[in-house]
Amino acid sequence: MFGKLLELLREAKPGIKKIGVFWGYLPPASPREEIEPAWAALRQAARTLGLAIHIAEVASRDQLSAAMAASDAERPDALLVTSIPGLFPVWSRIMEFAVKRRLPTIVDSRWPSEVTPYPLMAYGASREHLARQTAFYVDRILKGARPGDLPIQLPAKFELLVSQKTAKAIGLVVPQSLLLRADEVIE
């Protein structure tokens, strides 16, 4: 997943070399033993693509200003924002920061349409598909299956959203290849 996010950013703006990351998968919501492999996957994907990354941990609103200051010091060419549950109310602030600095930004899930400006791209598991998978498991459990006996399934369907409005705001022309692959284009 993280490799795909980096690939999409590079496809949107081919000359990028350095990506800032606002990382929200942190304890207590995400156990440390889950975070380390995810960081390793992100770092490996960056090495493979020849990109430098700077990760700023952002688990709360209190850490957002420091993450933004660290991003300014690093001067990234783009920004990747992971789901940060505690920051739902300040997503617009994150995006205002990114647009002001003309940073193409990708997020790892669909954000509510009320967030303005909207990220340049959102790529993540289809919530509709996840809901269907969940309903299947609930049905099986209600019919007597033991949850521990059911197989673990990874998301099978992902969706890509592209915001032309944000692209215009940061002075970026989104490549046609991305627009054609997008499940939704926000005008």
Protein backbone atom coordinates (compact mmCIF):
# COMPACT_ATOMS: atom_id res chain seq x y z
CA MET A 1 0.00 0.00 0.00
CA PHE A 2 2.70 2.52 0.97
CA GLY A 3 4.69 1.81 -2.16
CA LYS A 4 1.59 2.54 -4.23
CA LEU A 5 1.05 5.85 -2.45
CA LEU A 6 4.63 6.89 -3.22
CA GLU A 7 4.31 5.73 -6.84
CA LEU A 8 1.14 7.78 -7.30
CA LEU A 9 2.82 10.90 -5.89
CA ARG A 10 5.77 10.46 -8.23
CA GLU A 11 3.46 9.90 -11.17
CA ALA A 12 1.55 13.09 -10.31
CA LYS A 13 4.78 15.08 -10.10
CA PRO A 14 7.64 13.15 -11.73
CA GLY A 15 10.50 15.32 -10.43
CA ILE A 16 9.91 14.75 -6.73
CA LYS A 17 12.86 13.52 -4.68
CA LYS A 18 11.79 14.07 -1.07
CA ILE A 19 8.47 13.25 0.56
CA GLY A 20 7.30 14.38 3.96
CA VAL A 21 5.12 11.91 5.85
CA PHE A 22 2.64 12.80 8.58
CA TRP A 23 2.33 9.39 10.27
CA GLY A 24 -0.73 8.79 12.44
CA TYR A 25 -0.63 5.03 13.04
CA LEU A 26 0.69 5.25 16.58
CA PRO A 27 -0.03 3.73 20.01
CA PRO A 28 -2.46 3.25 21.57
CA ALA A 29 -4.59 2.88 18.41
CA SER A 30 -1.85 0.99 16.54
CA PRO A 31 0.44 -1.40 18.44
CA ARG A 32 4.19 -0.79 18.00
CA GLU A 33 4.61 -4.33 16.55
CA GLU A 34 2.33 -3.29 13.65
CA ILE A 35 4.00 0.09 13.12
CA GLU A 36 7.57 -1.12 12.64
CA PRO A 37 6.78 -3.41 9.66
CA ALA A 38 4.73 -0.62 8.08
CA TRP A 39 7.63 1.83 8.46
CA ALA A 40 9.99 -0.76 7.00
CA ALA A 41 7.67 -1.21 4.00
CA LEU A 42 7.44 2.56 3.51
CA ARG A 43 11.22 2.99 3.72
CA GLN A 44 11.82 0.07 1.34
CA ALA A 45 9.36 1.48 -1.18
CA ALA A 46 11.09 4.87 -0.97
CA ARG A 47 14.53 3.28 -1.55
CA THR A 48 13.18 1.30 -4.51
CA LEU A 49 11.76 4.48 -6.06
CA GLY A 50 14.87 6.53 -5.27
CA LEU A 51 13.00 8.83 -2.90
CA ALA A 52 13.99 10.30 0.44
CA ILE A 53 11.30 10.39 3.12
CA HIS A 54 11.00 12.21 6.40
CA ILE A 55 8.48 10.75 8.85
CA ALA A 56 6.87 12.99 11.46
CA GLU A 57 4.75 11.22 14.06
CA VAL A 58 1.41 12.96 14.51
CA ALA A 59 -0.90 11.23 16.96
CA SER A 60 -2.61 14.34 18.31
CA ARG A 61 -3.35 17.96 17.53
CA ASP A 62 -0.54 18.91 19.92
CA GLN A 63 2.01 17.29 17.60
CA LEU A 64 0.73 18.85 14.36
CA SER A 65 2.55 22.18 14.66
CA ALA A 66 5.85 20.40 15.32
CA ALA A 67 5.27 18.11 12.33
CA MET A 68 4.57 21.11 10.10
CA ALA A 69 7.71 22.88 11.36
CA ALA A 70 9.76 19.73 10.73
CA SER A 71 8.28 19.50 7.24
CA ASP A 72 9.24 23.11 6.54
CA ALA A 73 12.79 22.40 7.70
CA GLU A 74 13.04 19.32 5.44
CA ARG A 75 11.52 21.13 2.41
CA PRO A 76 9.77 18.11 0.87
CA ASP A 77 8.50 18.03 -2.71
CA ALA A 78 5.29 16.22 -1.70
CA LEU A 79 3.37 15.07 1.36
CA LEU A 80 1.87 11.73 2.38
CA VAL A 81 -0.66 11.81 5.23
CA THR A 82 -1.76 8.59 6.91
CA SER A 83 -5.05 8.24 8.72
CA ILE A 84 -4.81 10.23 11.90
CA PRO A 85 -7.97 9.57 13.95
CA GLY A 86 -7.35 12.33 16.47
CA LEU A 87 -6.90 14.94 13.75
CA PHE A 88 -10.20 14.69 11.88
CA PRO A 89 -11.14 18.24 12.99
CA VAL A 90 -7.87 19.73 11.63
CA TRP A 91 -7.58 17.97 8.27
CA SER A 92 -8.38 21.26 6.55
CA ARG A 93 -5.48 22.86 8.43
CA ILE A 94 -3.13 20.15 7.14
CA MET A 95 -4.33 20.74 3.60
CA GLU A 96 -4.07 24.54 3.90
CA PHE A 97 -0.46 23.97 4.97
CA ALA A 98 0.17 21.73 1.95
CA VAL A 99 -1.52 24.01 -0.58
CA LYS A 100 0.30 27.09 0.73
CA ARG A 101 3.59 25.25 0.09
CA ARG A 102 2.33 23.85 -3.24
CA LEU A 103 2.87 20.27 -2.04
CA PRO A 104 1.07 17.50 -3.92
CA THR A 105 -0.54 15.51 -1.12
CA ILE A 106 -1.84 11.97 -1.01
CA VAL A 107 -3.84 10.41 1.82
CA ASP A 108 -4.41 6.72 2.49
CA SER A 109 -8.21 6.83 2.64
CA ARG A 110 -11.11 8.87 1.34
CA TRP A 111 -11.65 12.02 3.37
CA PRO A 112 -15.07 13.63 3.85
CA SER A 113 -15.92 15.98 1.00
CA GLU A 114 -16.30 18.83 3.51
CA VAL A 115 -12.51 18.95 3.94
CA THR A 116 -11.26 21.96 2.01
CA PRO A 117 -8.96 22.10 0.32
CA TYR A 118 -9.21 18.40 -0.51
CA PRO A 119 -5.99 16.36 -0.88
CA LEU A 120 -4.65 16.11 -4.42
CA MET A 121 -5.16 12.33 -4.24
CA ALA A 122 -6.75 9.80 -1.95
CA TYR A 123 -5.93 6.12 -2.42
CA GLY A 124 -7.18 3.39 -0.15
CA ALA A 125 -9.42 0.43 0.36
CA SER A 126 -12.97 0.92 -0.90
CA ARG A 127 -15.16 1.48 2.14
CA GLU A 128 -18.15 0.06 0.27
CA HIS A 129 -16.24 -3.15 -0.45
CA LEU A 130 -15.01 -3.34 3.18
CA ALA A 131 -18.60 -2.97 4.40
CA ARG A 132 -19.65 -5.90 2.21
CA GLN A 133 -16.78 -8.03 3.54
CA THR A 134 -17.76 -7.10 7.09
CA ALA A 135 -21.39 -8.05 6.44
CA PHE A 136 -20.25 -11.46 5.17
CA TYR A 137 -18.29 -12.08 8.39
CA VAL A 138 -21.13 -10.89 10.62
CA ASP A 139 -23.50 -13.23 8.76
CA ARG A 140 -21.15 -16.17 9.23
CA ILE A 141 -20.70 -15.43 12.94
CA LEU A 142 -24.44 -15.07 13.51
CA LYS A 143 -24.90 -18.46 11.85
CA GLY A 144 -22.53 -20.03 14.39
CA ALA A 145 -19.02 -19.71 12.91
CA ARG A 146 -16.28 -19.02 15.42
CA PRO A 147 -14.52 -15.73 14.61
CA GLY A 148 -11.10 -17.35 15.12
CA ASP A 149 -11.92 -19.95 12.46
CA LEU A 150 -12.68 -17.39 9.75
CA PRO A 151 -9.85 -16.48 7.38
CA ILE A 152 -8.23 -13.08 7.53
CA GLN A 153 -8.82 -11.17 4.32
CA LEU A 154 -7.00 -8.15 3.03
CA PRO A 155 -8.94 -5.51 1.12
CA ALA A 156 -9.49 -6.59 -2.46
CA LYS A 157 -10.70 -3.33 -3.98
CA PHE A 158 -8.97 0.03 -3.81
CA GLU A 159 -10.12 3.40 -5.08
CA LEU A 160 -8.27 6.46 -6.35
CA LEU A 161 -9.66 9.98 -6.08
CA VAL A 162 -8.00 12.96 -7.77
CA SER A 163 -8.84 16.59 -7.04
CA GLN A 164 -8.42 18.80 -10.09
CA LYS A 165 -9.37 21.77 -7.92
CA THR A 166 -6.39 21.15 -5.63
CA ALA A 167 -4.11 20.50 -8.61
CA LYS A 168 -5.02 23.92 -9.97
CA ALA A 169 -4.45 25.53 -6.56
CA ILE A 170 -0.89 24.16 -6.38
CA GLY A 171 -0.13 24.79 -10.06
CA LEU A 172 0.06 21.15 -11.07
CA VAL A 173 -1.26 19.53 -14.23
CA VAL A 174 -2.37 16.02 -13.34
CA PRO A 175 -1.14 13.51 -15.92
CA GLN A 176 -3.87 12.00 -18.08
CA SER A 177 -2.76 8.52 -17.01
CA LEU A 178 -3.84 9.30 -13.42
CA LEU A 179 -7.10 10.90 -14.45
CA LEU A 180 -8.03 7.87 -16.54
CA ARG A 181 -7.34 5.48 -13.65
CA ALA A 182 -9.18 7.56 -11.06
CA ASP A 183 -12.44 6.18 -9.71
CA GLU A 184 -13.49 9.76 -9.04
CA VAL A 185 -12.22 13.14 -10.23
CA ILE A 186 -13.18 16.12 -8.12
CA GLU A 187 -13.54 19.17 -10.37
